[in-house]
């Protein structure tokens, strides 16, 4: 994994973990029902100018994730160099429907 991608993931993870929204699913090792180490699988699909198509492993992680929870963090992605549109397109690329509120 590229150094920039790893830094992006670590920073994003830190913000999500430190978020004061009171989300019970967010702990130092888990964000929205998936572990931070699992989320690494999806990093190539949301970073760079031409992100790769999500891997089967990434889509497996997305199927386990709490989509409503992830939607709360949509605006935080850009703070760490991740295009929110690319991040929010990921579930649909994995044939997962986003909650209506997440598409707004």
PDB file of N, CA and C in Angstrom:
ATOM      1  N   UNK A   1       0.852  -1.172   0.000  1.00  0.00           N
ATOM      2  CA  UNK A   1       0.000   0.000   0.000  1.00  0.00           C
ATOM      3  C   UNK A   1       0.894   1.231   0.000  1.00  0.00           C
ATOM      4  N   UNK A   2       0.491   2.229  -0.748  1.00  0.00           N
ATOM      5  CA  UNK A   2       1.271   3.453  -0.821  1.00  0.00           C
ATOM      6  C   UNK A   2       1.281   4.150   0.531  1.00  0.00           C
ATOM      7  N   UNK A   3       2.390   4.821   0.799  1.00  0.00           N
ATOM      8  CA  UNK A   3       2.536   5.517   2.074  1.00  0.00           C
ATOM      9  C   UNK A   3       1.419   6.541   2.267  1.00  0.00           C
ATOM     10  N   UNK A   4       1.076   7.297   1.208  1.00  0.00           N
ATOM     11  CA  UNK A   4       0.024   8.294   1.307  1.00  0.00           C
ATOM     12  C   UNK A   4      -1.313   7.648   1.655  1.00  0.00           C
ATOM     13  N   UNK A   5      -1.597   6.495   1.047  1.00  0.00           N
ATOM     14  CA  UNK A   5      -2.849   5.796   1.327  1.00  0.00           C
ATOM     15  C   UNK A   5      -2.930   5.346   2.769  1.00  0.00           C
ATOM     16  N   UNK A   6      -1.831   4.838   3.311  1.00  0.00           N
ATOM     17  CA  UNK A   6      -1.817   4.386   4.696  1.00  0.00           C
ATOM     18  C   UNK A   6      -2.005   5.565   5.638  1.00  0.00           C
ATOM     19  N   UNK A   7      -1.363   6.677   5.337  1.00  0.00           N
ATOM     20  CA  UNK A   7      -1.519   7.873   6.172  1.00  0.00           C
ATOM     21  C   UNK A   7      -2.957   8.354   6.123  1.00  0.00           C
ATOM     22  N   UNK A   8      -3.546   8.342   4.938  1.00  0.00           N
ATOM     23  CA  UNK A   8      -4.947   8.751   4.791  1.00  0.00           C
ATOM     24  C   UNK A   8      -5.846   7.868   5.646  1.00  0.00           C
ATOM     25  N   UNK A   9      -5.637   6.554   5.567  1.00  0.00           N
ATOM     26  CA  UNK A   9      -6.462   5.639   6.347  1.00  0.00           C
ATOM     27  C   UNK A   9      -6.290   5.877   7.840  1.00  0.00           C
ATOM     28  N   UNK A  10      -5.065   6.049   8.291  1.00  0.00           N
ATOM     29  CA  UNK A  10      -4.827   6.260   9.712  1.00  0.00           C
ATOM     30  C   UNK A  10      -5.470   7.557  10.194  1.00  0.00           C
ATOM     31  N   UNK A  11      -5.338   8.612   9.413  1.00  0.00           N
ATOM     32  CA  UNK A  11      -5.950   9.887   9.800  1.00  0.00           C
ATOM     33  C   UNK A  11      -7.469   9.795   9.806  1.00  0.00           C
ATOM     34  N   UNK A  12      -8.025   9.177   8.776  1.00  0.00           N
ATOM     35  CA  UNK A  12      -9.470   9.012   8.716  1.00  0.00           C
ATOM     36  C   UNK A  12      -9.956   8.174   9.884  1.00  0.00           C
ATOM     37  N   UNK A  13      -9.255   7.119  10.184  1.00  0.00           N
ATOM     38  CA  UNK A  13      -9.622   6.264  11.313  1.00  0.00           C
ATOM     39  C   UNK A  13      -9.582   7.034  12.621  1.00  0.00           C
ATOM     40  N   UNK A  14      -8.552   7.851  12.784  1.00  0.00           N
ATOM     41  CA  UNK A  14      -8.427   8.633  14.018  1.00  0.00           C
ATOM     42  C   UNK A  14      -9.586   9.591  14.183  1.00  0.00           C
ATOM     43  N   UNK A  15      -9.989  10.230  13.102  1.00  0.00           N
ATOM     44  CA  UNK A  15     -11.111  11.167  13.189  1.00  0.00           C
ATOM     45  C   UNK A  15     -12.405  10.431  13.498  1.00  0.00           C
ATOM     46  N   UNK A  16     -12.626   9.326  12.829  1.00  0.00           N
ATOM     47  CA  UNK A  16     -13.856   8.582  13.053  1.00  0.00           C
ATOM     48  C   UNK A  16     -13.924   8.036  14.477  1.00  0.00           C
ATOM     49  N   UNK A  17     -12.802   7.587  14.978  1.00  0.00           N
ATOM     50  CA  UNK A  17     -12.759   7.054  16.342  1.00  0.00           C
ATOM     51  C   UNK A  17     -12.943   8.170  17.355  1.00  0.00           C
ATOM     52  N   UNK A  18     -12.367   9.324  17.086  1.00  0.00           N
ATOM     53  CA  UNK A  18     -12.428  10.432  18.028  1.00  0.00           C
ATOM     54  C   UNK A  18     -13.727  11.216  17.924  1.00  0.00           C
ATOM     55  N   UNK A  19     -14.536  10.902  16.946  1.00  0.00           N
ATOM     56  CA  UNK A  19     -15.770  11.644  16.745  1.00  0.00           C
ATOM     57  C   UNK A  19     -16.617  11.631  18.007  1.00  0.00           C
ATOM     58  N   UNK A  20     -17.214  12.753  18.321  1.00  0.00           N
ATOM     59  CA  UNK A  20     -17.970  12.886  19.566  1.00  0.00           C
ATOM     60  C   UNK A  20     -19.464  12.679  19.368  1.00  0.00           C
ATOM     61  N   UNK A  21     -19.835  12.006  18.309  1.00  0.00           N
ATOM     62  CA  UNK A  21     -21.252  11.782  18.038  1.00  0.00           C
ATOM     63  C   UNK A  21     -21.869  10.743  18.964  1.00  0.00           C
ATOM     64  N   UNK A  22     -21.045  10.052  19.709  1.00  0.00           N
ATOM     65  CA  UNK A  22     -21.572   9.061  20.641  1.00  0.00           C
ATOM     66  C   UNK A  22     -21.966   7.762  19.975  1.00  0.00           C
ATOM     67  N   UNK A  23     -21.428   7.475  18.823  1.00  0.00           N
ATOM     68  CA  UNK A  23     -21.745   6.259  18.101  1.00  0.00           C
ATOM     69  C   UNK A  23     -21.158   5.059  18.829  1.00  0.00           C
ATOM     70  N   UNK A  24     -22.029   4.190  19.311  1.00  0.00           N
ATOM     71  CA  UNK A  24     -21.576   3.030  20.079  1.00  0.00           C
ATOM     72  C   UNK A  24     -20.764   2.074  19.212  1.00  0.00           C
ATOM     73  N   UNK A  25     -20.949   2.109  17.894  1.00  0.00           N
ATOM     74  CA  UNK A  25     -20.225   1.195  17.019  1.00  0.00           C
ATOM     75  C   UNK A  25     -18.793   1.654  16.766  1.00  0.00           C
ATOM     76  N   UNK A  26     -18.470   2.890  17.125  1.00  0.00           N
ATOM     77  CA  UNK A  26     -17.122   3.408  16.873  1.00  0.00           C
ATOM     78  C   UNK A  26     -16.256   3.241  18.113  1.00  0.00           C
ATOM     79  N   UNK A  27     -15.267   2.372  17.999  1.00  0.00           N
ATOM     80  CA  UNK A  27     -14.303   2.157  19.056  1.00  0.00           C
ATOM     81  C   UNK A  27     -12.929   2.233  18.422  1.00  0.00           C
ATOM     82  N   UNK A  28     -11.855   2.182  19.208  1.00  0.00           N
ATOM     83  CA  UNK A  28     -10.530   2.281  18.594  1.00  0.00           C
ATOM     84  C   UNK A  28     -10.235   1.235  17.526  1.00  0.00           C
ATOM     85  N   UNK A  29     -10.900   0.095  17.540  1.00  0.00           N
ATOM     86  CA  UNK A  29     -10.621  -0.925  16.538  1.00  0.00           C
ATOM     87  C   UNK A  29     -11.789  -1.171  15.589  1.00  0.00           C
ATOM     88  N   UNK A  30     -12.937  -0.598  15.861  1.00  0.00           N
ATOM     89  CA  UNK A  30     -14.123  -0.843  15.048  1.00  0.00           C
ATOM     90  C   UNK A  30     -14.803   0.468  14.685  1.00  0.00           C
ATOM     91  N   UNK A  31     -15.183   0.582  13.426  1.00  0.00           N
ATOM     92  CA  UNK A  31     -15.919   1.746  12.939  1.00  0.00           C
ATOM     93  C   UNK A  31     -17.121   1.231  12.170  1.00  0.00           C
ATOM     94  N   UNK A  32     -18.289   1.607  12.623  1.00  0.00           N
ATOM     95  CA  UNK A  32     -19.536   1.247  11.936  1.00  0.00           C
ATOM     96  C   UNK A  32     -19.644  -0.260  11.689  1.00  0.00           C
ATOM     97  N   UNK A  33     -19.308  -1.027  12.691  1.00  0.00           N
ATOM     98  CA  UNK A  33     -19.430  -2.492  12.710  1.00  0.00           C
ATOM     99  C   UNK A  33     -18.354  -3.245  11.944  1.00  0.00           C
ATOM    100  N   UNK A  34     -17.319  -2.563  11.471  1.00  0.00           N
ATOM    101  CA  UNK A  34     -16.197  -3.246  10.826  1.00  0.00           C
ATOM    102  C   UNK A  34     -14.892  -2.764  11.439  1.00  0.00           C
ATOM    103  N   UNK A  35     -13.907  -3.628  11.434  1.00  0.00           N
ATOM    104  CA  UNK A  35     -12.626  -3.250  12.028  1.00  0.00           C
ATOM    105  C   UNK A  35     -11.852  -2.343  11.080  1.00  0.00           C
ATOM    106  N   UNK A  36     -11.011  -1.518  11.669  1.00  0.00           N
ATOM    107  CA  UNK A  36     -10.167  -0.628  10.881  1.00  0.00           C
ATOM    108  C   UNK A  36      -9.289  -1.445   9.939  1.00  0.00           C
ATOM    109  N   UNK A  37      -8.788  -2.573  10.410  1.00  0.00           N
ATOM    110  CA  UNK A  37      -7.937  -3.406   9.555  1.00  0.00           C
ATOM    111  C   UNK A  37      -8.707  -3.942   8.346  1.00  0.00           C
ATOM    112  N   UNK A  38     -10.004  -4.174   8.491  1.00  0.00           N
ATOM    113  CA  UNK A  38     -10.811  -4.616   7.356  1.00  0.00           C
ATOM    114  C   UNK A  38     -11.015  -3.481   6.356  1.00  0.00           C
ATOM    115  N   UNK A  39     -11.171  -2.271   6.864  1.00  0.00           N
ATOM    116  CA  UNK A  39     -11.395  -1.120   5.983  1.00  0.00           C
ATOM    117  C   UNK A  39     -10.204  -0.858   5.057  1.00  0.00           C
ATOM    118  N   UNK A  40      -9.022  -1.286   5.473  1.00  0.00           N
ATOM    119  CA  UNK A  40      -7.826  -1.132   4.641  1.00  0.00           C
ATOM    120  C   UNK A  40      -8.053  -1.794   3.282  1.00  0.00           C
ATOM    121  N   UNK A  41      -8.804  -2.863   3.265  1.00  0.00           N
ATOM    122  CA  UNK A  41      -9.093  -3.599   2.032  1.00  0.00           C
ATOM    123  C   UNK A  41      -9.734  -2.698   0.969  1.00  0.00           C
ATOM    124  N   UNK A  42     -10.451  -1.673   1.400  1.00  0.00           N
ATOM    125  CA  UNK A  42     -11.185  -0.805   0.469  1.00  0.00           C
ATOM    126  C   UNK A  42     -10.423   0.449   0.064  1.00  0.00           C
ATOM    127  N   UNK A  43      -9.313   0.712   0.682  1.00  0.00           N
ATOM    128  CA  UNK A  43      -8.577   1.940   0.406  1.00  0.00           C
ATOM    129  C   UNK A  43      -8.217   2.115  -1.072  1.00  0.00           C
ATOM    130  N   UNK A  44      -7.754   1.076  -1.784  1.00  0.00           N
ATOM    131  CA  UNK A  44      -7.428   1.269  -3.208  1.00  0.00           C
ATOM    132  C   UNK A  44      -8.642   1.659  -4.059  1.00  0.00           C
ATOM    133  N   UNK A  45      -9.833   1.371  -3.581  1.00  0.00           N
ATOM    134  CA  UNK A  45     -11.049   1.668  -4.343  1.00  0.00           C
ATOM    135  C   UNK A  45     -11.579   3.080  -4.117  1.00  0.00           C
ATOM    136  N   UNK A  46     -10.963   3.835  -3.204  1.00  0.00           N
ATOM    137  CA  UNK A  46     -11.469   5.185  -2.944  1.00  0.00           C
ATOM    138  C   UNK A  46     -10.388   6.258  -3.001  1.00  0.00           C
ATOM    139  N   UNK A  47      -9.148   5.874  -3.266  1.00  0.00           N
ATOM    140  CA  UNK A  47      -8.073   6.864  -3.283  1.00  0.00           C
ATOM    141  C   UNK A  47      -7.427   6.946  -4.661  1.00  0.00           C
ATOM    142  N   UNK A  48      -6.791   8.062  -4.922  1.00  0.00           N
ATOM    143  CA  UNK A  48      -6.093   8.277  -6.178  1.00  0.00           C
ATOM    144  C   UNK A  48      -7.010   8.830  -7.255  1.00  0.00           C
ATOM    145  N   UNK A  49      -6.386   9.228  -8.356  1.00  0.00           N
ATOM    146  CA  UNK A  49      -7.152   9.811  -9.464  1.00  0.00           C
ATOM    147  C   UNK A  49      -8.035   8.784 -10.150  1.00  0.00           C
ATOM    148  N   UNK A  50      -7.547   7.569 -10.251  1.00  0.00           N
ATOM    149  CA  UNK A  50      -8.305   6.491 -10.888  1.00  0.00           C
ATOM    150  C   UNK A  50      -8.347   5.294  -9.954  1.00  0.00           C
ATOM    151  N   UNK A  51      -9.235   5.340  -8.967  1.00  0.00           N
ATOM    152  CA  UNK A  51      -9.303   4.230  -8.008  1.00  0.00           C
ATOM    153  C   UNK A  51      -9.629   2.909  -8.695  1.00  0.00           C
ATOM    154  N   UNK A  52      -9.103   1.838  -8.124  1.00  0.00           N
ATOM    155  CA  UNK A  52      -9.386   0.493  -8.627  1.00  0.00           C
ATOM    156  C   UNK A  52     -10.830   0.129  -8.301  1.00  0.00           C
ATOM    157  N   UNK A  53     -11.354  -0.828  -9.034  1.00  0.00           N
ATOM    158  CA  UNK A  53     -12.684  -1.360  -8.728  1.00  0.00           C
ATOM    159  C   UNK A  53     -12.565  -2.095  -7.397  1.00  0.00           C
ATOM    160  N   UNK A  54     -13.572  -2.015  -6.531  1.00  0.00           N
ATOM    161  CA  UNK A  54     -13.464  -2.686  -5.226  1.00  0.00           C
ATOM    162  C   UNK A  54     -13.266  -4.194  -5.379  1.00  0.00           C
ATOM    163  N   UNK A  55     -12.378  -4.723  -4.558  1.00  0.00           N
ATOM    164  CA  UNK A  55     -12.111  -6.160  -4.564  1.00  0.00           C
ATOM    165  C   UNK A  55     -13.271  -6.910  -3.911  1.00  0.00           C
ATOM    166  N   UNK A  56     -13.279  -8.219  -4.080  1.00  0.00           N
ATOM    167  CA  UNK A  56     -14.295  -9.041  -3.418  1.00  0.00           C
ATOM    168  C   UNK A  56     -14.189  -8.875  -1.904  1.00  0.00           C
ATOM    169  N   UNK A  57     -12.957  -8.786  -1.409  1.00  0.00           N
ATOM    170  CA  UNK A  57     -12.743  -8.597   0.024  1.00  0.00           C
ATOM    171  C   UNK A  57     -13.308  -7.278   0.507  1.00  0.00           C
ATOM    172  N   UNK A  58     -13.107  -6.232  -0.274  1.00  0.00           N
ATOM    173  CA  UNK A  58     -13.652  -4.916   0.078  1.00  0.00           C
ATOM    174  C   UNK A  58     -15.183  -4.981   0.119  1.00  0.00           C
ATOM    175  N   UNK A  59     -15.775  -5.578  -0.878  1.00  0.00           N
ATOM    176  CA  UNK A  59     -17.241  -5.670  -0.910  1.00  0.00           C
ATOM    177  C   UNK A  59     -17.761  -6.501   0.258  1.00  0.00           C
ATOM    178  N   UNK A  60     -17.026  -7.498   0.657  1.00  0.00           N
ATOM    179  CA  UNK A  60     -17.393  -8.288   1.825  1.00  0.00           C
ATOM    180  C   UNK A  60     -17.402  -7.411   3.078  1.00  0.00           C
ATOM    181  N   UNK A  61     -16.393  -6.549   3.185  1.00  0.00           N
ATOM    182  CA  UNK A  61     -16.323  -5.611   4.313  1.00  0.00           C
ATOM    183  C   UNK A  61     -17.514  -4.658   4.262  1.00  0.00           C
ATOM    184  N   UNK A  62     -17.826  -4.146   3.078  1.00  0.00           N
ATOM    185  CA  UNK A  62     -18.936  -3.199   2.936  1.00  0.00           C
ATOM    186  C   UNK A  62     -20.269  -3.842   3.322  1.00  0.00           C
ATOM    187  N   UNK A  63     -20.424  -5.134   3.036  1.00  0.00           N
ATOM    188  CA  UNK A  63     -21.669  -5.822   3.395  1.00  0.00           C
ATOM    189  C   UNK A  63     -21.833  -5.944   4.913  1.00  0.00           C
ATOM    190  N   UNK A  64     -20.710  -5.961   5.630  1.00  0.00           N
ATOM    191  CA  UNK A  64     -20.759  -6.048   7.096  1.00  0.00           C
ATOM    192  C   UNK A  64     -20.964  -4.681   7.749  1.00  0.00           C
ATOM    193  N   UNK A  65     -20.634  -3.621   7.026  1.00  0.00           N
ATOM    194  CA  UNK A  65     -20.657  -2.274   7.605  1.00  0.00           C
ATOM    195  C   UNK A  65     -22.078  -1.759   7.801  1.00  0.00           C
ATOM    196  N   UNK A  66     -22.234  -0.938   8.810  1.00  0.00           N
ATOM    197  CA  UNK A  66     -23.495  -0.252   9.075  1.00  0.00           C
ATOM    198  C   UNK A  66     -23.532   0.981   8.169  1.00  0.00           C
ATOM    199  N   UNK A  67     -24.297   0.914   7.096  1.00  0.00           N
ATOM    200  CA  UNK A  67     -24.332   1.996   6.111  1.00  0.00           C
ATOM    201  C   UNK A  67     -24.853   3.302   6.704  1.00  0.00           C
ATOM    202  N   UNK A  68     -25.840   3.232   7.571  1.00  0.00           N
ATOM    203  CA  UNK A  68     -26.341   4.456   8.200  1.00  0.00           C
ATOM    204  C   UNK A  68     -25.237   5.144   8.997  1.00  0.00           C
ATOM    205  N   UNK A  69     -24.443   4.365   9.669  1.00  0.00           N
ATOM    206  CA  UNK A  69     -23.325   4.894  10.438  1.00  0.00           C
ATOM    207  C   UNK A  69     -22.285   5.523   9.514  1.00  0.00           C
ATOM    208  N   UNK A  70     -21.901   4.829   8.456  1.00  0.00           N
ATOM    209  CA  UNK A  70     -20.904   5.353   7.532  1.00  0.00           C
ATOM    210  C   UNK A  70     -21.368   6.654   6.885  1.00  0.00           C
ATOM    211  N   UNK A  71     -22.651   6.760   6.630  1.00  0.00           N
ATOM    212  CA  UNK A  71     -23.183   7.975   6.011  1.00  0.00           C
ATOM    213  C   UNK A  71     -22.959   9.205   6.888  1.00  0.00           C
ATOM    214  N   UNK A  72     -22.927   9.013   8.189  1.00  0.00           N
ATOM    215  CA  UNK A  72     -22.699  10.137   9.099  1.00  0.00           C
ATOM    216  C   UNK A  72     -21.334  10.773   8.872  1.00  0.00           C
ATOM    217  N   UNK A  73     -20.404  10.004   8.353  1.00  0.00           N
ATOM    218  CA  UNK A  73     -19.036  10.470   8.184  1.00  0.00           C
ATOM    219  C   UNK A  73     -18.730  10.963   6.774  1.00  0.00           C
ATOM    220  N   UNK A  74     -19.724  11.004   5.929  1.00  0.00           N
ATOM    221  CA  UNK A  74     -19.536  11.378   4.526  1.00  0.00           C
ATOM    222  C   UNK A  74     -18.751  12.683   4.379  1.00  0.00           C
ATOM    223  N   UNK A  75     -19.085  13.678   5.147  1.00  0.00           N
ATOM    224  CA  UNK A  75     -18.422  14.978   5.011  1.00  0.00           C
ATOM    225  C   UNK A  75     -16.992  14.974   5.551  1.00  0.00           C
ATOM    226  N   UNK A  76     -16.626  13.990   6.343  1.00  0.00           N
ATOM    227  CA  UNK A  76     -15.280  13.930   6.911  1.00  0.00           C
ATOM    228  C   UNK A  76     -14.232  13.398   5.932  1.00  0.00           C
ATOM    229  N   UNK A  77     -14.647  12.670   4.907  1.00  0.00           N
ATOM    230  CA  UNK A  77     -13.690  12.061   3.993  1.00  0.00           C
ATOM    231  C   UNK A  77     -12.784  13.082   3.322  1.00  0.00           C
ATOM    232  N   UNK A  78     -13.336  14.198   2.894  1.00  0.00           N
ATOM    233  CA  UNK A  78     -12.538  15.177   2.155  1.00  0.00           C
ATOM    234  C   UNK A  78     -11.423  15.787   3.003  1.00  0.00           C
ATOM    235  N   UNK A  79     -11.568  15.773   4.308  1.00  0.00           N
ATOM    236  CA  UNK A  79     -10.538  16.317   5.188  1.00  0.00           C
ATOM    237  C   UNK A  79      -9.229  15.541   5.079  1.00  0.00           C
ATOM    238  N   UNK A  80      -9.302  14.327   4.560  1.00  0.00           N
ATOM    239  CA  UNK A  80      -8.137  13.457   4.501  1.00  0.00           C
ATOM    240  C   UNK A  80      -7.795  13.021   3.089  1.00  0.00           C
ATOM    241  N   UNK A  81      -8.214  13.831   2.126  1.00  0.00           N
ATOM    242  CA  UNK A  81      -7.845  13.561   0.748  1.00  0.00           C
ATOM    243  C   UNK A  81      -8.638  12.456   0.081  1.00  0.00           C
ATOM    244  N   UNK A  82      -9.740  12.055   0.681  1.00  0.00           N
ATOM    245  CA  UNK A  82     -10.602  11.043   0.069  1.00  0.00           C
ATOM    246  C   UNK A  82     -11.829  11.763  -0.473  1.00  0.00           C
ATOM    247  N   UNK A  83     -12.067  11.618  -1.760  1.00  0.00           N
ATOM    248  CA  UNK A  83     -13.218  12.240  -2.393  1.00  0.00           C
ATOM    249  C   UNK A  83     -14.486  11.574  -1.851  1.00  0.00           C
ATOM    250  N   UNK A  84     -15.368  12.349  -1.196  1.00  0.00           N
ATOM    251  CA  UNK A  84     -16.592  11.755  -0.648  1.00  0.00           C
ATOM    252  C   UNK A  84     -17.426  11.030  -1.706  1.00  0.00           C
ATOM    253  N   UNK A  85     -17.431  11.549  -2.925  1.00  0.00           N
ATOM    254  CA  UNK A  85     -18.205  10.893  -3.985  1.00  0.00           C
ATOM    255  C   UNK A  85     -17.657   9.493  -4.274  1.00  0.00           C
ATOM    256  N   UNK A  86     -16.332   9.354  -4.288  1.00  0.00           N
ATOM    257  CA  UNK A  86     -15.729   8.037  -4.514  1.00  0.00           C
ATOM    258  C   UNK A  86     -16.042   7.099  -3.350  1.00  0.00           C
ATOM    259  N   UNK A  87     -15.966   7.628  -2.147  1.00  0.00           N
ATOM    260  CA  UNK A  87     -16.246   6.808  -0.966  1.00  0.00           C
ATOM    261  C   UNK A  87     -17.703   6.361  -0.947  1.00  0.00           C
ATOM    262  N   UNK A  88     -18.614   7.265  -1.287  1.00  0.00           N
ATOM    263  CA  UNK A  88     -20.033   6.929  -1.229  1.00  0.00           C
ATOM    264  C   UNK A  88     -20.468   6.080  -2.428  1.00  0.00           C
ATOM    265  N   UNK A  89     -19.660   6.051  -3.496  1.00  0.00           N
ATOM    266  CA  UNK A  89     -19.961   5.191  -4.640  1.00  0.00           C
ATOM    267  C   UNK A  89     -19.566   3.741  -4.375  1.00  0.00           C
ATOM    268  N   UNK A  90     -18.709   3.540  -3.413  1.00  0.00           N
ATOM    269  CA  UNK A  90     -18.185   2.210  -3.121  1.00  0.00           C
ATOM    270  C   UNK A  90     -19.279   1.190  -2.799  1.00  0.00           C
ATOM    271  N   UNK A  91     -20.206   1.481  -1.891  1.00  0.00           N
ATOM    272  CA  UNK A  91     -21.243   0.470  -1.620  1.00  0.00           C
ATOM    273  C   UNK A  91     -22.038   0.084  -2.871  1.00  0.00           C
ATOM    274  N   UNK A  92     -22.400   1.055  -3.690  1.00  0.00           N
ATOM    275  CA  UNK A  92     -23.174   0.739  -4.881  1.00  0.00           C
ATOM    276  C   UNK A  92     -22.371  -0.108  -5.861  1.00  0.00           C
ATOM    277  N   UNK A  93     -21.049   0.112  -5.931  1.00  0.00           N
ATOM    278  CA  UNK A  93     -20.202  -0.720  -6.781  1.00  0.00           C
ATOM    279  C   UNK A  93     -20.175  -2.158  -6.273  1.00  0.00           C
ATOM    280  N   UNK A  94     -20.465  -2.325  -5.003  1.00  0.00           N
ATOM    281  CA  UNK A  94     -20.527  -3.656  -4.388  1.00  0.00           C
ATOM    282  C   UNK A  94     -21.957  -4.180  -4.324  1.00  0.00           C
ATOM    283  N   UNK A  95     -22.858  -3.542  -5.059  1.00  0.00           N
ATOM    284  CA  UNK A  95     -24.282  -3.937  -5.108  1.00  0.00           C
ATOM    285  C   UNK A  95     -24.954  -3.837  -3.745  1.00  0.00           C
ATOM    286  N   UNK A  96     -24.606  -2.791  -3.003  1.00  0.00           N
ATOM    287  CA  UNK A  96     -25.211  -2.526  -1.699  1.00  0.00           C
ATOM    288  C   UNK A  96     -25.967  -1.212  -1.813  1.00  0.00           C
ATOM    289  N   UNK A  97     -27.206  -1.216  -1.420  1.00  0.00           N
ATOM    290  CA  UNK A  97     -28.002   0.009  -1.482  1.00  0.00           C
ATOM    291  C   UNK A  97     -27.641   0.920  -0.317  1.00  0.00           C
ATOM    292  N   UNK A  98     -27.461   2.184  -0.655  1.00  0.00           N
ATOM    293  CA  UNK A  98     -27.222   3.190   0.384  1.00  0.00           C
ATOM    294  C   UNK A  98     -28.558   3.652   0.941  1.00  0.00           C
ATOM    295  N   UNK A  99     -28.585   3.994   2.221  1.00  0.00           N
ATOM    296  CA  UNK A  99     -29.806   4.576   2.783  1.00  0.00           C
ATOM    297  C   UNK A  99     -30.127   5.877   2.031  1.00  0.00           C
ATOM    298  N   UNK A 100     -31.394   6.179   1.895  1.00  0.00           N
ATOM    299  CA  UNK A 100     -31.843   7.367   1.167  1.00  0.00           C
ATOM    300  C   UNK A 100     -31.150   8.639   1.699  1.00  0.00           C
ATOM    301  N   UNK A 101     -31.059   8.772   2.995  1.00  0.00           N
ATOM    302  CA  UNK A 101     -30.464   9.966   3.586  1.00  0.00           C
ATOM    303  C   UNK A 101     -28.989  10.116   3.208  1.00  0.00           C
ATOM    304  N   UNK A 102     -28.355   9.045   2.872  1.00  0.00           N
ATOM    305  CA  UNK A 102     -26.936   9.066   2.529  1.00  0.00           C
ATOM    306  C   UNK A 102     -26.708   9.632   1.136  1.00  0.00           C
ATOM    307  N   UNK A 103     -27.685   9.573   0.284  1.00  0.00           N
ATOM    308  CA  UNK A 103     -27.540  10.035  -1.091  1.00  0.00           C
ATOM    309  C   UNK A 103     -27.715  11.537  -1.226  1.00  0.00           C
ATOM    310  N   UNK A 104     -28.138  12.189  -0.179  1.00  0.00           N
ATOM    311  CA  UNK A 104     -28.399  13.633  -0.241  1.00  0.00           C
ATOM    312  C   UNK A 104     -27.160  14.434  -0.045  1.00  0.00           C
TER     313      UNK A 104
END
